[in-house]
Amino acid sequence: MAEVTLSQRLRPYRVLLASRARAQLQYRASFVTDILGTVGVGLAEFAEVWVIFHNVDVLGGLDFTAALLVFALSNLAFSLADMFVGHLDQLPVHIRAGQVDAFYVRPLPLLAQLMTSDLSLRRIGRLTVAVVALAVALTTADIDWGPGTVALLALTVVSGAAIFSALFTTAGGLQFFLVDGAEFTNAFTYGGSYAAQQSQQVFPGPLRIFWTFVVPTAFVAYVPAVAVLDLPPDPFAPHWLAWCTPLAALLAWAIAGLCWRLGTRHYQGAGG
């Protein structure tokens, strides 16, 4: 029996994602409008950062350039995760409509089907704002460039997107228990996104511990940015901790996998 290659295993996912992308591009006017809408969201969030630092020079140990780097890294990571798995927050709609059962009769795993059930290309607008902000921050900041700095930034982007993807997956698993509890799970996904854009030093001690070691959004942008810029670190997050961002992503996914497994085992089907 011929061994199935990795390319053959991934082919159904590539076909699904390509079909979703083509479907969205069919309606160009709607697609452009959605893109402009997400650009507006990104610009509105950037405007908040600009307004704050237009009135103060330093906040939470960060000046405007440092805050811009934190903003860019966090938005880039969240936009990537939101594009590919953000639609998992629509899982309660599938549960209430009894549509989850239909996924079980298909050959692909449930999580893989839900992750590929939509590809939100409209979120490219917010992603573009984040990329431009990152380019500006990296060219204007006083950074001691070297292989280590480049490696840390690359690890930060990949691991940050993985952390937010894990948060979306955790929220999806919890939705099997909290069908009408979107506000609770959104506190970890969208609330975590907002917390990741801030200097952790603006939060009181318990919240800094929570956003660093419980829901590790501090690893998405703040901890690596402080290390890259060689700024005085938060007492809870020394510079060496920035290299633990991949470990934070792995731990986040371990919890996400557990929540998803418990949730799918709890689900009994549309018939009750």
Protein backbone atom coordinates (compact mmCIF):
# COMPACT_ATOMS: atom_id res chain seq x y z
CA MET A 1 0.00 0.00 0.00
CA ALA A 2 1.49 3.33 -1.08
CA GLU A 3 2.39 5.73 1.69
CA VAL A 4 0.33 8.92 1.76
CA THR A 5 2.62 11.95 1.49
CA LEU A 6 2.22 15.19 3.43
CA SER A 7 1.30 17.00 0.21
CA GLN A 8 -1.52 14.52 -0.41
CA ARG A 9 -2.79 14.92 3.14
CA LEU A 10 -2.86 18.72 2.79
CA ARG A 11 -4.48 18.72 -0.65
CA PRO A 12 -8.12 18.72 0.64
CA TYR A 13 -7.36 21.74 2.83
CA ARG A 14 -5.74 23.60 -0.07
CA VAL A 15 -8.74 22.90 -2.27
CA LEU A 16 -11.17 24.12 0.40
CA LEU A 17 -9.22 27.32 1.09
CA ALA A 18 -8.83 28.07 -2.61
CA SER A 19 -12.56 27.64 -3.18
CA ARG A 20 -13.37 29.97 -0.26
CA ALA A 21 -10.99 32.59 -1.62
CA ARG A 22 -12.47 32.40 -5.13
CA ALA A 23 -15.99 32.68 -3.72
CA GLN A 24 -15.15 35.93 -1.91
CA LEU A 25 -13.42 37.42 -4.95
CA GLN A 26 -16.50 36.87 -7.12
CA TYR A 27 -18.24 39.90 -5.61
CA ARG A 28 -15.60 42.55 -6.08
CA ALA A 29 -17.56 45.56 -4.87
CA SER A 30 -18.49 43.82 -1.63
CA PHE A 31 -14.93 42.54 -1.24
CA VAL A 32 -13.41 46.02 -1.66
CA THR A 33 -15.93 47.47 0.80
CA ASP A 34 -15.03 44.82 3.37
CA ILE A 35 -11.32 45.52 2.85
CA LEU A 36 -11.85 49.24 3.42
CA GLY A 37 -13.86 48.46 6.54
CA THR A 38 -11.04 46.41 8.08
CA VAL A 39 -8.52 49.10 7.09
CA GLY A 40 -10.72 51.53 9.02
CA VAL A 41 -10.62 49.26 12.07
CA GLY A 42 -6.82 49.13 11.94
CA LEU A 43 -6.52 52.87 11.51
CA ALA A 44 -8.93 53.52 14.39
CA GLU A 45 -6.81 51.37 16.70
CA PHE A 46 -3.67 53.14 15.52
CA ALA A 47 -5.36 56.50 16.12
CA GLU A 48 -5.85 55.53 19.76
CA VAL A 49 -2.10 54.97 20.13
CA TRP A 50 -1.30 58.24 18.35
CA VAL A 51 -3.74 60.29 20.46
CA ILE A 52 -2.32 58.90 23.70
CA PHE A 53 1.29 59.64 22.78
CA HIS A 54 0.36 63.01 21.33
CA ASN A 55 -0.44 63.99 24.91
CA VAL A 56 2.25 62.07 26.82
CA ASP A 57 5.86 61.30 25.92
CA VAL A 58 6.17 58.01 27.80
CA LEU A 59 3.51 55.60 29.04
CA GLY A 60 4.27 52.36 30.83
CA GLY A 61 7.95 52.65 29.97
CA LEU A 62 7.28 53.01 26.22
CA ASP A 63 7.67 56.05 23.99
CA PHE A 64 5.69 56.40 20.74
CA THR A 65 8.12 54.36 18.62
CA ALA A 66 8.20 51.50 21.13
CA ALA A 67 4.42 51.60 21.50
CA LEU A 68 4.09 51.53 17.71
CA LEU A 69 6.23 48.37 17.58
CA VAL A 70 4.07 46.71 20.23
CA PHE A 71 0.93 47.79 18.37
CA ALA A 72 2.24 46.49 15.03
CA LEU A 73 3.40 43.10 16.34
CA SER A 74 0.17 42.46 18.23
CA ASN A 75 -2.07 43.53 15.33
CA LEU A 76 -0.06 41.52 12.82
CA ALA A 77 -0.34 38.37 14.95
CA PHE A 78 -4.05 38.89 15.67
CA SER A 79 -4.88 39.65 12.03
CA LEU A 80 -3.20 36.45 10.84
CA ALA A 81 -5.00 34.36 13.44
CA ASP A 82 -8.30 36.12 12.83
CA MET A 83 -8.02 35.53 9.08
CA PHE A 84 -7.64 31.77 9.36
CA VAL A 85 -9.40 30.77 12.59
CA GLY A 86 -11.32 33.85 13.76
CA HIS A 87 -14.56 32.41 12.37
CA LEU A 88 -14.47 29.76 15.11
CA ASP A 89 -16.34 32.29 17.24
CA GLN A 90 -19.34 31.51 14.98
CA LEU A 91 -19.44 27.96 16.33
CA PRO A 92 -22.50 28.63 18.55
CA VAL A 93 -24.45 29.46 15.38
CA HIS A 94 -23.59 26.04 13.93
CA ILE A 95 -24.46 24.34 17.24
CA ARG A 96 -27.86 26.01 17.57
CA ALA A 97 -28.68 25.30 13.92
CA GLY A 98 -27.70 21.64 14.26
CA GLN A 99 -25.08 22.00 11.53
CA VAL A 100 -22.18 20.55 13.53
CA ASP A 101 -23.52 17.03 12.94
CA ALA A 102 -23.01 17.46 9.20
CA PHE A 103 -19.28 18.03 9.74
CA TYR A 104 -18.93 14.66 11.47
CA VAL A 105 -19.95 12.69 8.37
CA ARG A 106 -17.17 14.26 6.29
CA PRO A 107 -13.70 12.72 6.05
CA LEU A 108 -11.77 15.66 7.53
CA PRO A 109 -11.42 16.28 11.30
CA LEU A 110 -14.01 18.63 12.81
CA LEU A 111 -11.53 21.35 13.79
CA ALA A 112 -9.86 21.28 10.37
CA GLN A 113 -13.24 21.63 8.65
CA LEU A 114 -14.28 24.56 10.82
CA MET A 115 -10.92 26.27 10.31
CA THR A 116 -11.20 25.88 6.52
CA SER A 117 -14.94 26.60 6.37
CA ASP A 118 -14.14 30.24 5.74
CA LEU A 119 -11.12 32.28 4.73
CA SER A 120 -11.71 35.88 5.72
CA LEU A 121 -9.74 37.72 3.05
CA ARG A 122 -11.42 40.97 4.07
CA ARG A 123 -9.15 41.00 7.10
CA ILE A 124 -6.23 41.70 4.77
CA GLY A 125 -7.04 45.39 5.30
CA ARG A 126 -6.22 45.28 9.01
CA LEU A 127 -3.22 43.09 8.24
CA THR A 128 -1.91 45.72 5.81
CA VAL A 129 -2.17 48.45 8.44
CA ALA A 130 -0.18 46.25 10.85
CA VAL A 131 2.53 45.54 8.25
CA VAL A 132 2.95 49.24 7.43
CA ALA A 133 3.08 50.15 11.14
CA LEU A 134 5.69 47.42 11.71
CA ALA A 135 7.83 48.69 8.83
CA VAL A 136 7.70 52.25 10.20
CA ALA A 137 8.49 51.11 13.74
CA LEU A 138 11.45 48.96 12.69
CA THR A 139 12.97 51.69 10.53
CA THR A 140 12.59 54.49 13.10
CA ALA A 141 13.42 52.61 16.30
CA ASP A 142 16.92 52.43 17.70
CA ILE A 143 17.51 48.69 17.24
CA ASP A 144 20.83 46.88 17.41
CA TRP A 145 20.32 44.70 14.34
CA GLY A 146 21.86 41.25 14.17
CA PRO A 147 20.93 37.62 13.51
CA GLY A 148 19.51 37.29 17.01
CA THR A 149 17.22 40.31 16.58
CA VAL A 150 15.91 39.07 13.22
CA ALA A 151 15.36 35.58 14.63
CA LEU A 152 13.50 36.95 17.66
CA LEU A 153 11.19 39.09 15.51
CA ALA A 154 10.44 36.15 13.19
CA LEU A 155 9.71 33.88 16.16
CA THR A 156 7.52 36.59 17.66
CA VAL A 157 5.30 36.94 14.57
CA VAL A 158 4.85 33.18 14.11
CA SER A 159 4.40 32.43 17.81
CA GLY A 160 2.10 35.42 18.32
CA ALA A 161 -0.21 34.25 15.54
CA ALA A 162 -0.13 30.75 17.07
CA ILE A 163 -1.05 32.13 20.52
CA PHE A 164 -4.07 34.01 19.19
CA SER A 165 -5.07 30.97 17.10
CA ALA A 166 -4.93 28.89 20.27
CA LEU A 167 -7.14 31.43 22.07
CA PHE A 168 -9.73 31.23 19.28
CA THR A 169 -9.61 27.42 19.44
CA THR A 170 -9.95 27.44 23.23
CA ALA A 171 -12.94 29.75 22.91
CA GLY A 172 -14.42 27.39 20.32
CA GLY A 173 -14.03 24.40 22.64
CA LEU A 174 -15.67 26.28 25.51
CA GLN A 175 -18.61 27.19 23.28
CA PHE A 176 -19.76 23.56 23.40
CA PHE A 177 -20.47 24.23 27.09
CA LEU A 178 -21.40 27.94 26.79
CA VAL A 179 -23.51 28.15 23.65
CA ASP A 180 -24.77 31.58 24.68
CA GLY A 181 -21.57 32.63 26.43
CA ALA A 182 -19.83 34.50 23.63
CA GLU A 183 -19.15 37.45 25.92
CA PHE A 184 -17.14 35.21 28.24
CA THR A 185 -14.96 33.73 25.50
CA ASN A 186 -14.56 37.08 23.73
CA ALA A 187 -12.91 38.38 26.88
CA PHE A 188 -9.99 36.06 26.13
CA THR A 189 -9.83 36.53 22.34
CA TYR A 190 -10.69 40.16 21.60
CA GLY A 191 -9.90 41.25 25.15
CA GLY A 192 -6.54 39.51 24.85
CA SER A 193 -5.94 41.31 21.55
CA TYR A 194 -6.50 44.68 23.23
CA ALA A 195 -4.28 43.77 26.19
CA ALA A 196 -1.50 42.68 23.81
CA GLN A 197 -1.36 46.19 22.33
CA GLN A 198 -0.58 47.79 25.69
CA SER A 199 2.50 48.11 27.82
CA GLN A 200 2.05 45.54 30.56
CA GLN A 201 3.30 48.10 33.07
CA VAL A 202 0.02 50.03 32.81
CA PHE A 203 -1.80 47.08 34.40
CA PRO A 204 -1.82 46.29 38.13
CA GLY A 205 0.29 43.34 39.27
CA PRO A 206 -2.45 40.64 39.20
CA LEU A 207 -3.46 41.57 35.64
CA ARG A 208 0.17 41.60 34.49
CA ILE A 209 0.58 38.08 35.83
CA PHE A 210 -2.71 37.03 34.19
CA TRP A 211 -1.83 38.39 30.73
CA THR A 212 1.69 36.95 30.94
CA PHE A 213 1.36 33.52 32.53
CA VAL A 214 -2.34 32.59 32.29
CA VAL A 215 -3.45 34.05 28.96
CA PRO A 216 0.01 34.76 27.49
CA THR A 217 -0.78 37.76 25.29
CA ALA A 218 2.20 39.67 26.74
CA PHE A 219 4.43 37.30 24.75
CA VAL A 220 2.74 38.38 21.50
CA ALA A 221 4.33 41.83 21.36
CA TYR A 222 5.28 43.56 24.61
CA VAL A 223 7.90 41.16 25.99
CA PRO A 224 9.73 40.70 22.62
CA ALA A 225 9.52 44.43 21.79
CA VAL A 226 11.11 45.42 25.11
CA ALA A 227 13.89 42.87 24.50
CA VAL A 228 14.50 44.04 20.91
CA LEU A 229 14.62 47.69 21.95
CA ASP A 230 16.69 46.89 25.05
CA LEU A 231 14.30 48.82 27.32
CA PRO A 232 14.00 48.33 31.10
CA PRO A 233 11.89 45.15 31.41
CA ASP A 234 8.80 44.52 33.46
CA PRO A 235 9.74 42.88 36.80
CA PHE A 236 7.54 39.91 35.84
CA ALA A 237 9.08 39.54 32.37
CA PRO A 238 12.89 39.85 32.05
CA HIS A 239 14.47 40.09 28.59
CA TRP A 240 15.36 36.39 28.34
CA LEU A 241 11.68 35.52 28.61
CA ALA A 242 11.16 36.88 25.07
CA TRP A 243 12.84 33.73 23.72
CA CYS A 244 10.18 31.66 25.49
CA THR A 245 7.46 32.94 23.15
CA PRO A 246 7.36 29.64 21.16
CA LEU A 247 7.02 27.78 24.47
CA ALA A 248 4.10 30.04 25.41
CA ALA A 249 2.49 29.21 22.05
CA LEU A 250 2.96 25.46 22.64
CA LEU A 251 1.44 25.68 26.11
CA ALA A 252 -1.46 27.75 24.75
CA TRP A 253 -2.11 25.11 22.10
CA ALA A 254 -1.91 22.31 24.68
CA ILE A 255 -4.69 24.01 26.63
CA ALA A 256 -6.60 24.72 23.41
CA GLY A 257 -6.38 21.06 22.39
CA LEU A 258 -7.63 19.95 25.79
CA CYS A 259 -10.57 22.40 25.71
CA TRP A 260 -11.45 21.33 22.17
CA ARG A 261 -11.32 17.64 23.08
CA LEU A 262 -13.49 18.13 26.15
CA GLY A 263 -15.94 20.27 24.20
CA THR A 264 -16.39 17.86 21.31
CA ARG A 265 -16.82 14.94 23.72
CA HIS A 266 -19.45 16.93 25.63
CA TYR A 267 -21.40 17.67 22.43
CA GLN A 268 -24.23 15.15 21.96
CA GLY A 269 -25.66 16.29 18.64
CA ALA A 270 -28.61 18.35 17.52
CA GLY A 271 -30.99 15.75 18.92
CA GLY A 272 -29.82 16.43 22.51
